[in-house]
Every structure is written in structure tokens, then in C-alpha cells.
Amino acid sequence: MANDGKRTVLDEIKKREILAILAVGCSRCTAAKYVGCAVTTIKRTADRDPEFAEDLCRKENQHEFTYLKNIRQAAEKPQYWRAAAWVLERVFPDKYARRGPDVITIKQISSLLARFAEIIVEEVPVPRYRKNILKRLETLTRGLGGPAAKKEPDDER
């Protein structure tokens, strides 16, 4: 569509067409092509028309709710357990998402550092050196967001 310097204004018919296209799950880009405008025209119209903006938001989210409702209904039936697994993988990826064989979790790294700290306590004979190393490991572990490495008792100085 050629732009001769004039702003394209969406009339009520084009707005309804855009909303109908979005309601079936298409993008704003598809809707814009269908009605013969730019995506930015839809945005500018929504910026000037709060009711249209609200309708856009509602229609863009409508299909998402429908899909999630259908997945939830399927997940309630034992034979469709994969629907429940799919939701868990996406809603709680830290717990349920698939990981490659070469991926290590923060919890596993924290556990490794805690074990490393135990080895240092057992093997490093000088308490001052041991404390410095353990302090650095604790800082490193805290930065990961996992449980902190165990500190050495203060009685050995």
C-alpha cells in the first residue's frame, strides 16, 4: 500500500475485521495485510481509541484461554496425561522441562560446591587458607541462588 503522507484511519468495519481475524488466532500482521494497512496503523488506532485497544487485547488473548482450557480438560483424563505434562513443562520449566544430557542444574552445581567445601575442610591443613577458600566458595554458591556452602567452624584460627 502506497503511503502519500496521509495517515490511514481504520473505520469501524476494518476494526471489526481486525478483531475477527485476531479472535481466530491470527497475528496483527495478518490482520493488517487483510484490511490493507500497516501494523503500526493498528497500534496508533489503539493508542487513540481505548475501547479498540481493550478489544484488541481481549481478542489476542481469547484463543490462548481456549487452548489452555482444552489442554486442561484433556489433562483431566488419564489417557491424555501428556497434556498435563506439556503444561507442567512450560509453566514450571525448572522442575519439569526436558534437559539435554549435558545440562547441569543449579541445585546440582550447589551440591557439587558443598561437597568440594567438605573436601577442602578435610584436606587443607592450615585453617586460615581453608577459611579463605570456603568464603570464596560460599560467595560463588550464593551467586548461583542455591544453598550456600557450609562454613567451617570459627574455633580453628
N, C-alpha and C. Protein backbone atom coordinates (compact mmCIF):
# COMPACT_ATOMS: atom_id res chain seq x y z
N MET A 1 0.84 -1.18 0.00
CA MET A 1 0.00 0.00 0.00
C MET A 1 0.88 1.24 0.00
N ALA A 2 0.64 2.11 -0.95
CA ALA A 2 1.44 3.33 -1.05
C ALA A 2 1.01 4.31 0.02
N ASN A 3 1.98 5.00 0.58
CA ASN A 3 1.67 6.00 1.60
C ASN A 3 2.00 7.36 1.02
N ASP A 4 0.97 8.19 0.80
CA ASP A 4 1.17 9.51 0.21
C ASP A 4 1.28 10.61 1.27
N GLY A 5 1.71 10.22 2.49
CA GLY A 5 1.86 11.20 3.55
C GLY A 5 0.63 11.31 4.43
N LYS A 6 -0.47 10.72 4.01
CA LYS A 6 -1.69 10.76 4.82
C LYS A 6 -1.69 9.60 5.79
N ARG A 7 -2.24 9.81 6.97
CA ARG A 7 -2.37 8.74 7.94
C ARG A 7 -3.59 7.91 7.60
N THR A 8 -3.40 6.60 7.64
CA THR A 8 -4.52 5.70 7.40
C THR A 8 -5.36 5.63 8.67
N VAL A 9 -6.65 5.78 8.50
CA VAL A 9 -7.56 5.70 9.63
C VAL A 9 -8.41 4.45 9.45
N LEU A 10 -8.52 3.68 10.51
CA LEU A 10 -9.33 2.48 10.45
C LEU A 10 -10.78 2.83 10.78
N ASP A 11 -11.67 2.50 9.87
CA ASP A 11 -13.10 2.72 10.14
C ASP A 11 -13.62 1.55 10.96
N GLU A 12 -14.87 1.62 11.35
CA GLU A 12 -15.46 0.60 12.23
C GLU A 12 -15.48 -0.77 11.56
N ILE A 13 -15.70 -0.80 10.26
CA ILE A 13 -15.72 -2.09 9.56
C ILE A 13 -14.35 -2.75 9.61
N LYS A 14 -13.29 -1.97 9.34
CA LYS A 14 -11.94 -2.52 9.37
C LYS A 14 -11.56 -2.94 10.80
N LYS A 15 -11.97 -2.17 11.78
CA LYS A 15 -11.70 -2.54 13.18
C LYS A 15 -12.34 -3.89 13.51
N ARG A 16 -13.61 -4.07 13.09
CA ARG A 16 -14.30 -5.34 13.35
C ARG A 16 -13.62 -6.50 12.62
N GLU A 17 -13.16 -6.25 11.40
CA GLU A 17 -12.44 -7.30 10.65
C GLU A 17 -11.15 -7.68 11.37
N ILE A 18 -10.43 -6.68 11.83
CA ILE A 18 -9.18 -6.94 12.56
C ILE A 18 -9.46 -7.77 13.80
N LEU A 19 -10.48 -7.40 14.54
CA LEU A 19 -10.82 -8.13 15.77
C LEU A 19 -11.24 -9.56 15.45
N ALA A 20 -11.98 -9.77 14.38
CA ALA A 20 -12.40 -11.11 13.99
C ALA A 20 -11.20 -11.97 13.61
N ILE A 21 -10.25 -11.38 12.90
CA ILE A 21 -9.05 -12.11 12.49
C ILE A 21 -8.21 -12.49 13.71
N LEU A 22 -8.09 -11.58 14.65
CA LEU A 22 -7.34 -11.86 15.87
C LEU A 22 -8.04 -12.93 16.71
N ALA A 23 -9.36 -12.93 16.70
CA ALA A 23 -10.13 -13.87 17.52
C ALA A 23 -9.90 -15.32 17.10
N VAL A 24 -9.54 -15.55 15.84
CA VAL A 24 -9.28 -16.93 15.42
C VAL A 24 -7.83 -17.33 15.59
N GLY A 25 -7.01 -16.41 16.11
CA GLY A 25 -5.63 -16.76 16.43
C GLY A 25 -4.59 -16.20 15.49
N CYS A 26 -4.99 -15.40 14.54
CA CYS A 26 -4.01 -14.79 13.62
C CYS A 26 -3.31 -13.61 14.31
N SER A 27 -2.23 -13.17 13.70
CA SER A 27 -1.43 -12.07 14.25
C SER A 27 -1.96 -10.72 13.76
N ARG A 28 -1.46 -9.68 14.39
CA ARG A 28 -1.78 -8.32 13.93
C ARG A 28 -1.26 -8.10 12.51
N CYS A 29 -0.14 -8.71 12.20
CA CYS A 29 0.44 -8.58 10.86
C CYS A 29 -0.53 -9.13 9.82
N THR A 30 -1.10 -10.28 10.09
CA THR A 30 -2.07 -10.89 9.17
C THR A 30 -3.30 -10.01 9.04
N ALA A 31 -3.77 -9.51 10.18
CA ALA A 31 -4.96 -8.64 10.17
C ALA A 31 -4.68 -7.37 9.38
N ALA A 32 -3.51 -6.79 9.56
CA ALA A 32 -3.15 -5.56 8.84
C ALA A 32 -3.13 -5.81 7.33
N LYS A 33 -2.53 -6.91 6.92
CA LYS A 33 -2.50 -7.24 5.49
C LYS A 33 -3.91 -7.41 4.94
N TYR A 34 -4.76 -8.06 5.71
CA TYR A 34 -6.12 -8.33 5.26
C TYR A 34 -6.91 -7.03 5.01
N VAL A 35 -6.79 -6.07 5.94
CA VAL A 35 -7.55 -4.83 5.79
C VAL A 35 -6.81 -3.77 4.99
N GLY A 36 -5.55 -4.05 4.64
CA GLY A 36 -4.80 -3.12 3.80
C GLY A 36 -4.18 -1.96 4.54
N CYS A 37 -3.62 -2.23 5.69
CA CYS A 37 -2.94 -1.17 6.43
C CYS A 37 -1.64 -1.72 7.00
N ALA A 38 -0.91 -0.88 7.68
CA ALA A 38 0.33 -1.31 8.35
C ALA A 38 -0.01 -1.71 9.79
N VAL A 39 0.83 -2.55 10.36
CA VAL A 39 0.66 -2.95 11.76
C VAL A 39 0.70 -1.72 12.66
N THR A 40 1.54 -0.76 12.31
CA THR A 40 1.63 0.46 13.12
C THR A 40 0.33 1.25 13.10
N THR A 41 -0.45 1.12 12.04
CA THR A 41 -1.75 1.79 11.98
C THR A 41 -2.68 1.20 13.04
N ILE A 42 -2.63 -0.11 13.19
CA ILE A 42 -3.46 -0.75 14.22
C ILE A 42 -3.02 -0.25 15.60
N LYS A 43 -1.72 -0.18 15.82
CA LYS A 43 -1.22 0.30 17.11
C LYS A 43 -1.61 1.75 17.37
N ARG A 44 -1.42 2.60 16.37
CA ARG A 44 -1.78 4.02 16.55
C ARG A 44 -3.27 4.18 16.80
N THR A 45 -4.09 3.41 16.09
CA THR A 45 -5.53 3.48 16.30
C THR A 45 -5.87 3.05 17.72
N ALA A 46 -5.22 1.99 18.19
CA ALA A 46 -5.45 1.51 19.56
C ALA A 46 -4.99 2.55 20.58
N ASP A 47 -3.90 3.25 20.28
CA ASP A 47 -3.41 4.30 21.19
C ASP A 47 -4.42 5.44 21.32
N ARG A 48 -5.13 5.73 20.23
CA ARG A 48 -6.11 6.83 20.24
C ARG A 48 -7.51 6.38 20.70
N ASP A 49 -7.77 5.07 20.63
CA ASP A 49 -9.10 4.55 20.93
C ASP A 49 -9.01 3.47 22.00
N PRO A 50 -9.19 3.83 23.27
CA PRO A 50 -9.03 2.88 24.38
C PRO A 50 -9.97 1.66 24.27
N GLU A 51 -11.16 1.88 23.75
CA GLU A 51 -12.10 0.76 23.61
C GLU A 51 -11.56 -0.26 22.59
N PHE A 52 -11.04 0.23 21.47
CA PHE A 52 -10.44 -0.64 20.47
C PHE A 52 -9.21 -1.36 21.05
N ALA A 53 -8.42 -0.64 21.81
CA ALA A 53 -7.23 -1.23 22.45
C ALA A 53 -7.63 -2.38 23.37
N GLU A 54 -8.67 -2.17 24.14
CA GLU A 54 -9.15 -3.22 25.05
C GLU A 54 -9.67 -4.42 24.26
N ASP A 55 -10.42 -4.15 23.19
CA ASP A 55 -10.92 -5.23 22.35
C ASP A 55 -9.78 -6.02 21.70
N LEU A 56 -8.75 -5.31 21.25
CA LEU A 56 -7.57 -5.96 20.67
C LEU A 56 -6.94 -6.93 21.67
N CYS A 57 -6.72 -6.43 22.86
CA CYS A 57 -6.10 -7.24 23.91
C CYS A 57 -6.96 -8.48 24.19
N ARG A 58 -8.24 -8.28 24.33
CA ARG A 58 -9.15 -9.38 24.64
C ARG A 58 -9.12 -10.43 23.52
N LYS A 59 -9.21 -9.98 22.28
CA LYS A 59 -9.23 -10.92 21.15
C LYS A 59 -7.89 -11.64 20.99
N GLU A 60 -6.79 -10.94 21.24
CA GLU A 60 -5.48 -11.58 21.11
C GLU A 60 -5.29 -12.67 22.17
N ASN A 61 -5.91 -12.49 23.32
CA ASN A 61 -5.76 -13.47 24.40
C ASN A 61 -6.85 -14.54 24.39
N GLN A 62 -7.93 -14.30 23.70
CA GLN A 62 -9.08 -15.20 23.71
C GLN A 62 -8.70 -16.62 23.29
N HIS A 63 -7.99 -16.77 22.19
CA HIS A 63 -7.62 -18.10 21.72
C HIS A 63 -6.67 -18.80 22.68
N GLU A 64 -5.81 -18.04 23.36
CA GLU A 64 -4.90 -18.63 24.34
C GLU A 64 -5.68 -19.29 25.46
N PHE A 65 -6.70 -18.59 25.96
CA PHE A 65 -7.52 -19.14 27.03
C PHE A 65 -8.25 -20.40 26.56
N THR A 66 -8.75 -20.35 25.34
CA THR A 66 -9.47 -21.51 24.79
C THR A 66 -8.53 -22.71 24.69
N TYR A 67 -7.33 -22.50 24.17
CA TYR A 67 -6.37 -23.59 24.04
C TYR A 67 -6.00 -24.17 25.40
N LEU A 68 -5.73 -23.29 26.35
CA LEU A 68 -5.36 -23.76 27.69
C LEU A 68 -6.52 -24.51 28.35
N LYS A 69 -7.73 -24.03 28.14
CA LYS A 69 -8.91 -24.72 28.69
C LYS A 69 -9.02 -26.11 28.09
N ASN A 70 -8.82 -26.22 26.79
CA ASN A 70 -8.89 -27.52 26.13
C ASN A 70 -7.80 -28.47 26.63
N ILE A 71 -6.60 -27.94 26.82
CA ILE A 71 -5.50 -28.76 27.34
C ILE A 71 -5.82 -29.23 28.75
N ARG A 72 -6.36 -28.33 29.55
CA ARG A 72 -6.72 -28.69 30.93
C ARG A 72 -7.80 -29.77 30.95
N GLN A 73 -8.79 -29.63 30.10
CA GLN A 73 -9.85 -30.65 30.04
C GLN A 73 -9.29 -31.99 29.60
N ALA A 74 -8.38 -31.97 28.64
CA ALA A 74 -7.75 -33.22 28.19
C ALA A 74 -6.92 -33.83 29.31
N ALA A 75 -6.21 -32.98 30.04
CA ALA A 75 -5.31 -33.46 31.10
C ALA A 75 -6.07 -34.13 32.24
N GLU A 76 -7.35 -33.83 32.37
CA GLU A 76 -8.15 -34.45 33.43
C GLU A 76 -8.43 -35.93 33.14
N LYS A 77 -8.22 -36.36 31.91
CA LYS A 77 -8.45 -37.75 31.53
C LYS A 77 -7.10 -38.48 31.55
N PRO A 78 -7.02 -39.59 32.27
CA PRO A 78 -5.73 -40.29 32.40
C PRO A 78 -5.07 -40.64 31.06
N GLN A 79 -5.86 -40.98 30.05
CA GLN A 79 -5.24 -41.36 28.78
C GLN A 79 -4.57 -40.19 28.07
N TYR A 80 -4.89 -38.96 28.50
CA TYR A 80 -4.28 -37.77 27.91
C TYR A 80 -3.32 -37.09 28.88
N TRP A 81 -2.56 -37.89 29.61
CA TRP A 81 -1.63 -37.38 30.60
C TRP A 81 -0.59 -36.46 29.97
N ARG A 82 -0.32 -36.62 28.69
CA ARG A 82 0.70 -35.78 28.04
C ARG A 82 0.29 -34.31 28.01
N ALA A 83 -1.00 -34.06 28.00
CA ALA A 83 -1.45 -32.66 28.05
C ALA A 83 -1.02 -32.03 29.37
N ALA A 84 -1.17 -32.78 30.46
CA ALA A 84 -0.74 -32.27 31.77
C ALA A 84 0.78 -32.09 31.80
N ALA A 85 1.50 -33.05 31.23
CA ALA A 85 2.96 -32.96 31.19
C ALA A 85 3.40 -31.73 30.40
N TRP A 86 2.73 -31.48 29.30
CA TRP A 86 3.06 -30.33 28.45
C TRP A 86 2.92 -29.03 29.24
N VAL A 87 1.82 -28.90 29.98
CA VAL A 87 1.61 -27.67 30.78
C VAL A 87 2.68 -27.55 31.85
N LEU A 88 2.96 -28.64 32.56
CA LEU A 88 3.97 -28.59 33.61
C LEU A 88 5.34 -28.18 33.05
N GLU A 89 5.70 -28.70 31.88
CA GLU A 89 6.98 -28.35 31.28
C GLU A 89 7.09 -26.86 30.99
N ARG A 90 5.97 -26.25 30.63
CA ARG A 90 6.01 -24.84 30.24
C ARG A 90 5.76 -23.89 31.40
N VAL A 91 4.94 -24.31 32.35
CA VAL A 91 4.64 -23.43 33.48
C VAL A 91 5.75 -23.52 34.54
N PHE A 92 6.31 -24.71 34.73
CA PHE A 92 7.37 -24.92 35.71
C PHE A 92 8.60 -25.54 35.04
N PRO A 93 9.25 -24.81 34.12
CA PRO A 93 10.35 -25.41 33.36
C PRO A 93 11.53 -25.84 34.22
N ASP A 94 11.79 -25.15 35.33
CA ASP A 94 12.91 -25.55 36.19
C ASP A 94 12.72 -26.94 36.75
N LYS A 95 11.48 -27.31 37.00
CA LYS A 95 11.19 -28.63 37.57
C LYS A 95 10.93 -29.70 36.51
N TYR A 96 10.21 -29.34 35.45
CA TYR A 96 9.67 -30.36 34.56
C TYR A 96 10.15 -30.34 33.12
N ALA A 97 10.81 -29.30 32.68
CA ALA A 97 11.23 -29.23 31.28
C ALA A 97 12.33 -30.25 31.01
N ARG A 98 12.35 -30.78 29.82
CA ARG A 98 13.39 -31.73 29.44
C ARG A 98 14.73 -31.01 29.40
N ARG A 99 15.74 -31.73 29.82
CA ARG A 99 17.10 -31.21 29.77
C ARG A 99 17.95 -32.15 28.95
N GLY A 100 18.88 -31.58 28.24
CA GLY A 100 19.81 -32.41 27.49
C GLY A 100 20.73 -33.15 28.45
N PRO A 101 21.41 -34.18 27.97
CA PRO A 101 22.28 -34.96 28.84
C PRO A 101 23.47 -34.17 29.37
N ASP A 102 23.82 -33.07 28.72
CA ASP A 102 24.97 -32.28 29.14
C ASP A 102 24.58 -31.04 29.95
N VAL A 103 23.33 -30.98 30.42
CA VAL A 103 22.86 -29.83 31.19
C VAL A 103 22.91 -30.18 32.68
N ILE A 104 23.45 -29.27 33.45
CA ILE A 104 23.53 -29.45 34.90
C ILE A 104 22.71 -28.33 35.56
N THR A 105 21.97 -28.69 36.60
CA THR A 105 21.10 -27.72 37.26
C THR A 105 21.88 -26.92 38.31
N ILE A 106 21.31 -25.82 38.72
CA ILE A 106 21.92 -25.00 39.78
C ILE A 106 21.99 -25.81 41.07
N LYS A 107 20.96 -26.60 41.33
CA LYS A 107 20.96 -27.44 42.53
C LYS A 107 22.13 -28.43 42.50
N GLN A 108 22.38 -29.02 41.33
CA GLN A 108 23.50 -29.96 41.21
C GLN A 108 24.84 -29.25 41.37
N ILE A 109 24.97 -28.05 40.82
CA ILE A 109 26.21 -27.28 40.98
C ILE A 109 26.42 -26.91 42.44
N SER A 110 25.35 -26.48 43.11
CA SER A 110 25.45 -26.13 44.52
C SER A 110 25.86 -27.33 45.36
N SER A 111 25.29 -28.47 45.05
CA SER A 111 25.64 -29.70 45.77
C SER A 111 27.12 -30.05 45.54
N LEU A 112 27.57 -29.90 44.31
CA LEU A 112 28.96 -30.16 43.98
C LEU A 112 29.89 -29.22 44.75
N LEU A 113 29.53 -27.94 44.82
CA LEU A 113 30.36 -26.97 45.55
C LEU A 113 30.36 -27.27 47.05
N ALA A 114 29.22 -27.72 47.58
CA ALA A 114 29.15 -28.08 49.01
C ALA A 114 30.07 -29.27 49.28
N ARG A 115 30.06 -30.26 48.39
CA ARG A 115 30.95 -31.42 48.55
C ARG A 115 32.41 -30.99 48.43
N PHE A 116 32.68 -30.07 47.51
CA PHE A 116 34.03 -29.54 47.34
C PHE A 116 34.48 -28.85 48.63
N ALA A 117 33.59 -28.12 49.26
CA ALA A 117 33.90 -27.45 50.53
C ALA A 117 34.24 -28.47 51.62
N GLU A 118 33.52 -29.59 51.65
CA GLU A 118 33.81 -30.65 52.63
C GLU A 118 35.22 -31.22 52.40
N ILE A 119 35.57 -31.41 51.14
CA ILE A 119 36.89 -31.94 50.81
C ILE A 119 37.98 -30.96 51.25
N ILE A 120 37.74 -29.67 51.06
CA ILE A 120 38.71 -28.65 51.47
C ILE A 120 38.91 -28.69 52.98
N VAL A 121 37.82 -28.80 53.73
CA VAL A 121 37.92 -28.85 55.19
C VAL A 121 38.75 -30.05 55.62
N GLU A 122 38.56 -31.18 54.92
CA GLU A 122 39.29 -32.40 55.27
C GLU A 122 40.76 -32.36 54.84
N GLU A 123 41.07 -31.71 53.74
CA GLU A 123 42.39 -31.83 53.14
C GLU A 123 43.33 -30.63 53.35
N VAL A 124 42.81 -29.43 53.55
CA VAL A 124 43.68 -28.26 53.70
C VAL A 124 44.02 -28.11 55.17
N PRO A 125 45.31 -28.25 55.52
CA PRO A 125 45.70 -28.27 56.94
C PRO A 125 45.71 -26.90 57.63
N VAL A 126 45.91 -25.83 56.89
CA VAL A 126 46.03 -24.52 57.51
C VAL A 126 44.65 -23.86 57.57
N PRO A 127 44.13 -23.61 58.79
CA PRO A 127 42.78 -23.06 58.94
C PRO A 127 42.56 -21.73 58.21
N ARG A 128 43.58 -20.87 58.22
CA ARG A 128 43.43 -19.56 57.57
C ARG A 128 43.20 -19.73 56.07
N TYR A 129 43.95 -20.60 55.42
CA TYR A 129 43.77 -20.86 53.99
C TYR A 129 42.41 -21.49 53.72
N ARG A 130 42.07 -22.42 54.57
CA ARG A 130 40.79 -23.13 54.45
C ARG A 130 39.63 -22.13 54.51
N LYS A 131 39.68 -21.22 55.47
CA LYS A 131 38.60 -20.23 55.63
C LYS A 131 38.47 -19.34 54.40
N ASN A 132 39.59 -18.89 53.86
CA ASN A 132 39.54 -18.03 52.67
C ASN A 132 38.91 -18.77 51.48
N ILE A 133 39.31 -20.01 51.30
CA ILE A 133 38.76 -20.80 50.18
C ILE A 133 37.27 -21.01 50.39
N LEU A 134 36.88 -21.39 51.60
CA LEU A 134 35.46 -21.65 51.88
C LEU A 134 34.61 -20.38 51.73
N LYS A 135 35.18 -19.26 52.13
CA LYS A 135 34.47 -17.99 52.00
C LYS A 135 34.21 -17.68 50.52
N ARG A 136 35.20 -17.92 49.69
CA ARG A 136 35.04 -17.68 48.25
C ARG A 136 34.04 -18.66 47.63
N LEU A 137 34.06 -19.90 48.07
CA LEU A 137 33.09 -20.88 47.58
C LEU A 137 31.67 -20.51 47.99
N GLU A 138 31.53 -20.03 49.21
CA GLU A 138 30.21 -19.62 49.70
C GLU A 138 29.67 -18.45 48.87
N THR A 139 30.51 -17.50 48.56
CA THR A 139 30.12 -16.36 47.73
C THR A 139 29.71 -16.84 46.34
N LEU A 140 30.49 -17.73 45.79
CA LEU A 140 30.18 -18.29 44.48
C LEU A 140 28.83 -19.03 44.49
N THR A 141 28.61 -19.85 45.50
CA THR A 141 27.36 -20.60 45.60
C THR A 141 26.17 -19.67 45.81
N ARG A 142 26.33 -18.65 46.63
CA ARG A 142 25.25 -17.70 46.86
C ARG A 142 24.86 -16.98 45.57
N GLY A 143 25.86 -16.72 44.74
CA GLY A 143 25.61 -16.07 43.45
C GLY A 143 24.80 -16.93 42.50
N LEU A 144 24.82 -18.24 42.70
CA LEU A 144 24.03 -19.15 41.87
C LEU A 144 22.57 -19.20 42.29
N GLY A 145 22.30 -18.77 43.51
CA GLY A 145 20.92 -18.83 44.00
C GLY A 145 20.62 -20.12 44.73
N GLY A 146 21.61 -20.96 44.90
CA GLY A 146 21.39 -22.23 45.59
C GLY A 146 21.77 -22.13 47.05
N PRO A 147 21.70 -23.25 47.77
CA PRO A 147 22.08 -23.23 49.18
C PRO A 147 23.57 -22.92 49.32
N ALA A 148 23.93 -22.12 50.30
CA ALA A 148 25.32 -21.71 50.48
C ALA A 148 26.17 -22.89 50.95
N ALA A 149 27.44 -22.86 50.56
CA ALA A 149 28.37 -23.89 51.03
C ALA A 149 28.52 -23.77 52.53
N LYS A 150 28.74 -24.91 53.18
CA LYS A 150 28.84 -24.91 54.64
C LYS A 150 30.12 -24.22 55.08
N LYS A 151 29.97 -23.42 56.13
CA LYS A 151 31.13 -22.70 56.67
C LYS A 151 31.88 -23.60 57.64
N GLU A 152 33.13 -23.32 57.74
CA GLU A 152 33.96 -24.00 58.72
C GLU A 152 33.72 -23.39 60.09
N PRO A 153 33.72 -24.16 61.15
CA PRO A 153 33.55 -23.59 62.49
C PRO A 153 34.64 -22.55 62.77
N ASP A 154 34.30 -21.53 63.56
CA ASP A 154 35.22 -20.43 63.84
C ASP A 154 36.25 -20.75 64.90
N ASP A 155 36.17 -21.93 65.51
CA ASP A 155 37.05 -22.21 66.60
C ASP A 155 38.49 -22.49 66.13
N GLU A 156 38.70 -22.75 64.84
CA GLU A 156 40.06 -23.01 64.35
C GLU A 156 40.61 -21.77 63.68
N ARG A 157 41.48 -21.04 64.33
CA ARG A 157 42.06 -19.83 63.73
C ARG A 157 43.52 -19.94 63.59
